[in-house]
Full PDB file with SEQRES, HELIX, SHEET, SSBOND, CRYST1, ORIGX, SCALE, CONECT and MASTER records, all heavy atoms in Angstrom:
SEQRES   1 A   31  GLY GLY ARG MET SER LEU THR ASP SER LEU ILE VAL ALA          
SEQRES   2 A   31  VAL GLN THR ALA VAL SER SER GLY VAL GLY ALA SER VAL          
SEQRES   3 A   31  GLY LEU GLU ALA GLY                                          
HELIX    1 AA1 LEU A    6  GLY A   21  1                                  16    
CRYST1    1.000    1.000    1.000  90.00  90.00  90.00 P 1           1          
ORIGX1      1.000000  0.000000  0.000000        0.00000                         
ORIGX2      0.000000  1.000000  0.000000        0.00000                         
ORIGX3      0.000000  0.000000  1.000000        0.00000                         
SCALE1      1.000000  0.000000  0.000000        0.00000                         
SCALE2      0.000000  1.000000  0.000000        0.00000                         
SCALE3      0.000000  0.000000  1.000000        0.00000                         
ATOM      1  N   GLY A   1     -10.717  14.241   9.775  1.00  0.00           N  
ATOM      2  CA  GLY A   1     -12.135  14.047   9.513  1.00  0.00           C  
ATOM      3  C   GLY A   1     -12.432  13.076   8.400  1.00  0.00           C  
ATOM      4  O   GLY A   1     -13.458  13.178   7.727  1.00  0.00           O  
ATOM      5  N   GLY A   2     -11.532  12.098   8.160  1.00  0.00           N  
ATOM      6  CA  GLY A   2     -11.734  11.093   7.120  1.00  0.00           C  
ATOM      7  C   GLY A   2     -11.227  11.497   5.750  1.00  0.00           C  
ATOM      8  O   GLY A   2     -11.373  10.735   4.792  1.00  0.00           O  
ATOM      9  N   ARG A   3     -10.604  12.650   5.612  1.00  0.00           N  
ATOM     10  CA  ARG A   3     -10.128  13.119   4.308  1.00  0.00           C  
ATOM     11  C   ARG A   3      -8.807  12.448   3.945  1.00  0.00           C  
ATOM     12  O   ARG A   3      -7.851  12.489   4.711  1.00  0.00           O  
ATOM     13  CB  ARG A   3      -9.964  14.636   4.316  1.00  0.00           C  
ATOM     14  CG  ARG A   3     -11.279  15.392   4.343  1.00  0.00           C  
ATOM     15  CD  ARG A   3     -11.052  16.861   4.622  1.00  0.00           C  
ATOM     16  NE  ARG A   3     -10.623  17.058   6.009  1.00  0.00           N  
ATOM     17  CZ  ARG A   3     -10.105  18.199   6.471  1.00  0.00           C  
ATOM     18  NH1 ARG A   3      -9.930  19.224   5.652  1.00  0.00           N  
ATOM     19  NH2 ARG A   3      -9.758  18.315   7.731  1.00  0.00           N  
ATOM     20  N   MET A   4      -8.755  11.821   2.786  1.00  0.00           N  
ATOM     21  CA  MET A   4      -7.568  11.131   2.301  1.00  0.00           C  
ATOM     22  C   MET A   4      -7.357  11.445   0.832  1.00  0.00           C  
ATOM     23  O   MET A   4      -8.314  11.776   0.114  1.00  0.00           O  
ATOM     24  CB  MET A   4      -7.705   9.611   2.483  1.00  0.00           C  
ATOM     25  CG  MET A   4      -7.870   9.146   3.912  1.00  0.00           C  
ATOM     26  SD  MET A   4      -8.196   7.367   4.034  1.00  0.00           S  
ATOM     27  CE  MET A   4      -6.642   6.703   3.422  1.00  0.00           C  
ATOM     28  N   SER A   5      -6.123  11.325   0.396  1.00  0.00           N  
ATOM     29  CA  SER A   5      -5.802  11.498  -1.018  1.00  0.00           C  
ATOM     30  C   SER A   5      -5.950  10.160  -1.733  1.00  0.00           C  
ATOM     31  O   SER A   5      -5.306   9.174  -1.357  1.00  0.00           O  
ATOM     32  CB  SER A   5      -4.370  12.012  -1.164  1.00  0.00           C  
ATOM     33  OG  SER A   5      -3.897  11.814  -2.476  1.00  0.00           O  
ATOM     34  N   LEU A   6      -6.786  10.110  -2.754  1.00  0.00           N  
ATOM     35  CA  LEU A   6      -6.964   8.871  -3.515  1.00  0.00           C  
ATOM     36  C   LEU A   6      -5.687   8.500  -4.259  1.00  0.00           C  
ATOM     37  O   LEU A   6      -5.296   7.333  -4.299  1.00  0.00           O  
ATOM     38  CB  LEU A   6      -8.136   9.015  -4.492  1.00  0.00           C  
ATOM     39  CG  LEU A   6      -8.411   7.799  -5.391  1.00  0.00           C  
ATOM     40  CD1 LEU A   6      -8.680   6.552  -4.565  1.00  0.00           C  
ATOM     41  CD2 LEU A   6      -9.575   8.089  -6.326  1.00  0.00           C  
ATOM     42  N   THR A   7      -5.021   9.496  -4.843  1.00  0.00           N  
ATOM     43  CA  THR A   7      -3.786   9.215  -5.574  1.00  0.00           C  
ATOM     44  C   THR A   7      -2.737   8.593  -4.659  1.00  0.00           C  
ATOM     45  O   THR A   7      -2.122   7.568  -4.972  1.00  0.00           O  
ATOM     46  CB  THR A   7      -3.232  10.504  -6.205  1.00  0.00           C  
ATOM     47  OG1 THR A   7      -4.201  11.044  -7.094  1.00  0.00           O  
ATOM     48  CG2 THR A   7      -1.943  10.223  -6.965  1.00  0.00           C  
ATOM     49  N   ASP A   8      -2.505   9.214  -3.494  1.00  0.00           N  
ATOM     50  CA  ASP A   8      -1.539   8.673  -2.546  1.00  0.00           C  
ATOM     51  C   ASP A   8      -1.939   7.281  -2.079  1.00  0.00           C  
ATOM     52  O   ASP A   8      -1.091   6.402  -1.885  1.00  0.00           O  
ATOM     53  CB  ASP A   8      -1.417   9.600  -1.344  1.00  0.00           C  
ATOM     54  CG  ASP A   8      -0.585  10.835  -1.642  1.00  0.00           C  
ATOM     55  OD1 ASP A   8      -0.004  10.898  -2.739  1.00  0.00           O  
ATOM     56  OD2 ASP A   8      -0.524  11.736  -0.790  1.00  0.00           O  
ATOM     57  N   SER A   9      -3.233   7.067  -1.883  1.00  0.00           N  
ATOM     58  CA  SER A   9      -3.709   5.761  -1.403  1.00  0.00           C  
ATOM     59  C   SER A   9      -3.430   4.668  -2.428  1.00  0.00           C  
ATOM     60  O   SER A   9      -3.018   3.560  -2.071  1.00  0.00           O  
ATOM     61  CB  SER A   9      -5.209   5.832  -1.094  1.00  0.00           C  
ATOM     62  OG  SER A   9      -5.462   6.727  -0.031  1.00  0.00           O  
ATOM     63  N   LEU A  10      -3.654   4.968  -3.706  1.00  0.00           N  
ATOM     64  CA  LEU A  10      -3.371   3.974  -4.740  1.00  0.00           C  
ATOM     65  C   LEU A  10      -1.871   3.703  -4.858  1.00  0.00           C  
ATOM     66  O   LEU A  10      -1.446   2.564  -5.081  1.00  0.00           O  
ATOM     67  CB  LEU A  10      -3.941   4.447  -6.072  1.00  0.00           C  
ATOM     68  CG  LEU A  10      -5.471   4.541  -6.139  1.00  0.00           C  
ATOM     69  CD1 LEU A  10      -5.918   5.085  -7.496  1.00  0.00           C  
ATOM     70  CD2 LEU A  10      -6.118   3.180  -5.875  1.00  0.00           C  
ATOM     71  N   ILE A  11      -1.061   4.744  -4.677  1.00  0.00           N  
ATOM     72  CA  ILE A  11       0.388   4.549  -4.693  1.00  0.00           C  
ATOM     73  C   ILE A  11       0.810   3.626  -3.557  1.00  0.00           C  
ATOM     74  O   ILE A  11       1.615   2.707  -3.735  1.00  0.00           O  
ATOM     75  CB  ILE A  11       1.114   5.910  -4.588  1.00  0.00           C  
ATOM     76  CG1 ILE A  11       0.913   6.718  -5.860  1.00  0.00           C  
ATOM     77  CG2 ILE A  11       2.604   5.698  -4.322  1.00  0.00           C  
ATOM     78  CD1 ILE A  11       1.448   8.136  -5.773  1.00  0.00           C  
ATOM     79  N   VAL A  12       0.266   3.854  -2.367  1.00  0.00           N  
ATOM     80  CA  VAL A  12       0.595   3.007  -1.216  1.00  0.00           C  
ATOM     81  C   VAL A  12       0.170   1.566  -1.474  1.00  0.00           C  
ATOM     82  O   VAL A  12       0.890   0.618  -1.128  1.00  0.00           O  
ATOM     83  CB  VAL A  12      -0.073   3.554   0.063  1.00  0.00           C  
ATOM     84  CG1 VAL A  12       0.018   2.536   1.203  1.00  0.00           C  
ATOM     85  CG2 VAL A  12       0.589   4.852   0.481  1.00  0.00           C  
ATOM     86  N   ALA A  13      -0.997   1.376  -2.065  1.00  0.00           N  
ATOM     87  CA  ALA A  13      -1.472   0.019  -2.348  1.00  0.00           C  
ATOM     88  C   ALA A  13      -0.516  -0.700  -3.296  1.00  0.00           C  
ATOM     89  O   ALA A  13      -0.166  -1.869  -3.073  1.00  0.00           O  
ATOM     90  CB  ALA A  13      -2.876   0.070  -2.948  1.00  0.00           C  
ATOM     91  N   VAL A  14      -0.078  -0.022  -4.341  1.00  0.00           N  
ATOM     92  CA  VAL A  14       0.869  -0.633  -5.276  1.00  0.00           C  
ATOM     93  C   VAL A  14       2.201  -0.897  -4.585  1.00  0.00           C  
ATOM     94  O   VAL A  14       2.815  -1.957  -4.754  1.00  0.00           O  
ATOM     95  CB  VAL A  14       1.060   0.268  -6.513  1.00  0.00           C  
ATOM     96  CG1 VAL A  14       2.173  -0.272  -7.404  1.00  0.00           C  
ATOM     97  CG2 VAL A  14      -0.247   0.363  -7.300  1.00  0.00           C  
ATOM     98  N   GLN A  15       2.677   0.052  -3.791  1.00  0.00           N  
ATOM     99  CA  GLN A  15       3.923  -0.146  -3.053  1.00  0.00           C  
ATOM    100  C   GLN A  15       3.843  -1.364  -2.145  1.00  0.00           C  
ATOM    101  O   GLN A  15       4.792  -2.154  -2.045  1.00  0.00           O  
ATOM    102  CB  GLN A  15       4.229   1.091  -2.200  1.00  0.00           C  
ATOM    103  CG  GLN A  15       4.786   2.277  -2.954  1.00  0.00           C  
ATOM    104  CD  GLN A  15       5.145   3.390  -1.992  1.00  0.00           C  
ATOM    105  OE1 GLN A  15       4.330   3.813  -1.175  1.00  0.00           O  
ATOM    106  NE2 GLN A  15       6.377   3.859  -2.073  1.00  0.00           N  
ATOM    107  N   THR A  16       2.718  -1.522  -1.475  1.00  0.00           N  
ATOM    108  CA  THR A  16       2.553  -2.649  -0.558  1.00  0.00           C  
ATOM    109  C   THR A  16       2.565  -3.975  -1.315  1.00  0.00           C  
ATOM    110  O   THR A  16       3.219  -4.938  -0.897  1.00  0.00           O  
ATOM    111  CB  THR A  16       1.240  -2.508   0.228  1.00  0.00           C  
ATOM    112  OG1 THR A  16       1.230  -1.254   0.909  1.00  0.00           O  
ATOM    113  CG2 THR A  16       1.079  -3.623   1.238  1.00  0.00           C  
ATOM    114  N   ALA A  17       1.845  -4.019  -2.435  1.00  0.00           N  
ATOM    115  CA  ALA A  17       1.814  -5.246  -3.231  1.00  0.00           C  
ATOM    116  C   ALA A  17       3.201  -5.582  -3.775  1.00  0.00           C  
ATOM    117  O   ALA A  17       3.620  -6.747  -3.775  1.00  0.00           O  
ATOM    118  CB  ALA A  17       0.809  -5.101  -4.370  1.00  0.00           C  
ATOM    119  N   VAL A  18       3.933  -4.566  -4.217  1.00  0.00           N  
ATOM    120  CA  VAL A  18       5.278  -4.801  -4.744  1.00  0.00           C  
ATOM    121  C   VAL A  18       6.216  -5.249  -3.625  1.00  0.00           C  
ATOM    122  O   VAL A  18       7.030  -6.166  -3.808  1.00  0.00           O  
ATOM    123  CB  VAL A  18       5.811  -3.538  -5.439  1.00  0.00           C  
ATOM    124  CG1 VAL A  18       7.289  -3.692  -5.783  1.00  0.00           C  
ATOM    125  CG2 VAL A  18       5.007  -3.251  -6.694  1.00  0.00           C  
ATOM    126  N   SER A  19       6.133  -4.606  -2.460  1.00  0.00           N  
ATOM    127  CA  SER A  19       6.985  -4.998  -1.332  1.00  0.00           C  
ATOM    128  C   SER A  19       6.800  -6.463  -0.987  1.00  0.00           C  
ATOM    129  O   SER A  19       7.765  -7.226  -0.861  1.00  0.00           O  
ATOM    130  CB  SER A  19       6.675  -4.128  -0.107  1.00  0.00           C  
ATOM    131  OG  SER A  19       7.018  -2.786  -0.323  1.00  0.00           O  
ATOM    132  N   SER A  20       5.542  -6.872  -0.843  1.00  0.00           N  
ATOM    133  CA  SER A  20       5.264  -8.279  -0.544  1.00  0.00           C  
ATOM    134  C   SER A  20       5.624  -9.156  -1.733  1.00  0.00           C  
ATOM    135  O   SER A  20       6.099 -10.282  -1.570  1.00  0.00           O  
ATOM    136  CB  SER A  20       3.785  -8.441  -0.184  1.00  0.00           C  
ATOM    137  OG  SER A  20       3.501  -9.753   0.226  1.00  0.00           O  
ATOM    138  N   GLY A  21       5.429  -8.638  -2.939  1.00  0.00           N  
ATOM    139  CA  GLY A  21       5.708  -9.414  -4.146  1.00  0.00           C  
ATOM    140  C   GLY A  21       7.166  -9.761  -4.324  1.00  0.00           C  
ATOM    141  O   GLY A  21       7.503 -10.824  -4.865  1.00  0.00           O  
ATOM    142  N   VAL A  22       8.080  -8.889  -3.877  1.00  0.00           N  
ATOM    143  CA  VAL A  22       9.508  -9.183  -4.003  1.00  0.00           C  
ATOM    144  C   VAL A  22      10.036  -9.944  -2.795  1.00  0.00           C  
ATOM    145  O   VAL A  22      11.238 -10.210  -2.704  1.00  0.00           O  
ATOM    146  CB  VAL A  22      10.326  -7.892  -4.218  1.00  0.00           C  
ATOM    147  CG1 VAL A  22       9.846  -7.158  -5.454  1.00  0.00           C  
ATOM    148  CG2 VAL A  22      10.289  -6.994  -2.985  1.00  0.00           C  
ATOM    149  N   GLY A  23       9.141 -10.296  -1.856  1.00  0.00           N  
ATOM    150  CA  GLY A  23       9.529 -11.147  -0.742  1.00  0.00           C  
ATOM    151  C   GLY A  23       9.673 -10.466   0.591  1.00  0.00           C  
ATOM    152  O   GLY A  23       9.922 -11.139   1.599  1.00  0.00           O  
ATOM    153  N   ALA A  24       9.543  -9.139   0.667  1.00  0.00           N  
ATOM    154  CA  ALA A  24       9.681  -8.449   1.954  1.00  0.00           C  
ATOM    155  C   ALA A  24       8.654  -8.985   2.944  1.00  0.00           C  
ATOM    156  O   ALA A  24       7.512  -9.284   2.584  1.00  0.00           O  
ATOM    157  CB  ALA A  24       9.499  -6.948   1.770  1.00  0.00           C  
ATOM    158  N   SER A  25       9.053  -9.086   4.195  1.00  0.00           N  
ATOM    159  CA  SER A  25       8.216  -9.707   5.221  1.00  0.00           C  
ATOM    160  C   SER A  25       7.226  -8.691   5.785  1.00  0.00           C  
ATOM    161  O   SER A  25       7.297  -8.286   6.950  1.00  0.00           O  
ATOM    162  CB  SER A  25       9.091 -10.272   6.339  1.00  0.00           C  
ATOM    163  OG  SER A  25       8.325 -11.041   7.235  1.00  0.00           O  
ATOM    164  N   VAL A  26       6.311  -8.258   4.936  1.00  0.00           N  
ATOM    165  CA  VAL A  26       5.292  -7.286   5.326  1.00  0.00           C  
ATOM    166  C   VAL A  26       3.920  -7.802   4.913  1.00  0.00           C  
ATOM    167  O   VAL A  26       3.794  -8.615   3.994  1.00  0.00           O  
ATOM    168  CB  VAL A  26       5.552  -5.904   4.684  1.00  0.00           C  
ATOM    169  CG1 VAL A  26       6.820  -5.291   5.222  1.00  0.00           C  
ATOM    170  CG2 VAL A  26       5.612  -6.012   3.161  1.00  0.00           C  
ATOM    171  N   GLY A  27       2.900  -7.291   5.583  1.00  0.00           N  
ATOM    172  CA  GLY A  27       1.542  -7.708   5.276  1.00  0.00           C  
ATOM    173  C   GLY A  27       0.882  -6.815   4.245  1.00  0.00           C  
ATOM    174  O   GLY A  27       1.295  -5.667   4.034  1.00  0.00           O  
ATOM    175  N   LEU A  28      -0.144  -7.347   3.610  1.00  0.00           N  
ATOM    176  CA  LEU A  28      -0.879  -6.604   2.585  1.00  0.00           C  
ATOM    177  C   LEU A  28      -2.011  -5.767   3.158  1.00  0.00           C  
ATOM    178  O   LEU A  28      -2.613  -4.973   2.438  1.00  0.00           O  
ATOM    179  CB  LEU A  28      -1.455  -7.580   1.557  1.00  0.00           C  
ATOM    180  CG  LEU A  28      -0.445  -8.303   0.662  1.00  0.00           C  
ATOM    181  CD1 LEU A  28      -1.135  -9.420  -0.110  1.00  0.00           C  
ATOM    182  CD2 LEU A  28       0.201  -7.330  -0.305  1.00  0.00           C  
ATOM    183  N   GLU A  29      -2.308  -5.961   4.450  1.00  0.00           N  
ATOM    184  CA  GLU A  29      -3.490  -5.302   5.009  1.00  0.00           C  
ATOM    185  C   GLU A  29      -3.403  -3.781   4.909  1.00  0.00           C  
ATOM    186  O   GLU A  29      -4.414  -3.099   4.740  1.00  0.00           O  
ATOM    187  CB  GLU A  29      -3.709  -5.734   6.466  1.00  0.00           C  
ATOM    188  CG  GLU A  29      -2.783  -5.138   7.508  1.00  0.00           C  
ATOM    189  CD  GLU A  29      -1.382  -5.701   7.476  1.00  0.00           C  
ATOM    190  OE1 GLU A  29      -1.170  -6.755   6.841  1.00  0.00           O  
ATOM    191  OE2 GLU A  29      -0.488  -5.089   8.086  1.00  0.00           O  
ATOM    192  N   ALA A  30      -2.177  -3.220   5.016  1.00  0.00           N  
ATOM    193  CA  ALA A  30      -2.042  -1.768   4.913  1.00  0.00           C  
ATOM    194  C   ALA A  30      -2.476  -1.274   3.539  1.00  0.00           C  
ATOM    195  O   ALA A  30      -3.133  -0.237   3.411  1.00  0.00           O  
ATOM    196  CB  ALA A  30      -0.595  -1.360   5.195  1.00  0.00           C  
ATOM    197  N   GLY A  31      -2.115  -2.015   2.500  1.00  0.00           N  
ATOM    198  CA  GLY A  31      -2.525  -1.639   1.156  1.00  0.00           C  
ATOM    199  C   GLY A  31      -4.009  -1.849   0.924  1.00  0.00           C  
ATOM    200  O   GLY A  31      -4.665  -1.017   0.273  1.00  0.00           O  
TER     201      GLY A  31                                                      
MASTER        0    0    0    1    0    0    0    6  200    1    0    3          
END                                                                             
């Protein structure tokens, strides 16, 4: 029903930025 954890979401965003930042071939859209 649209319920999400803000803490987990921010962790995922940082993980995504770091993954792309170190060169991994992933997109930022998920973050």
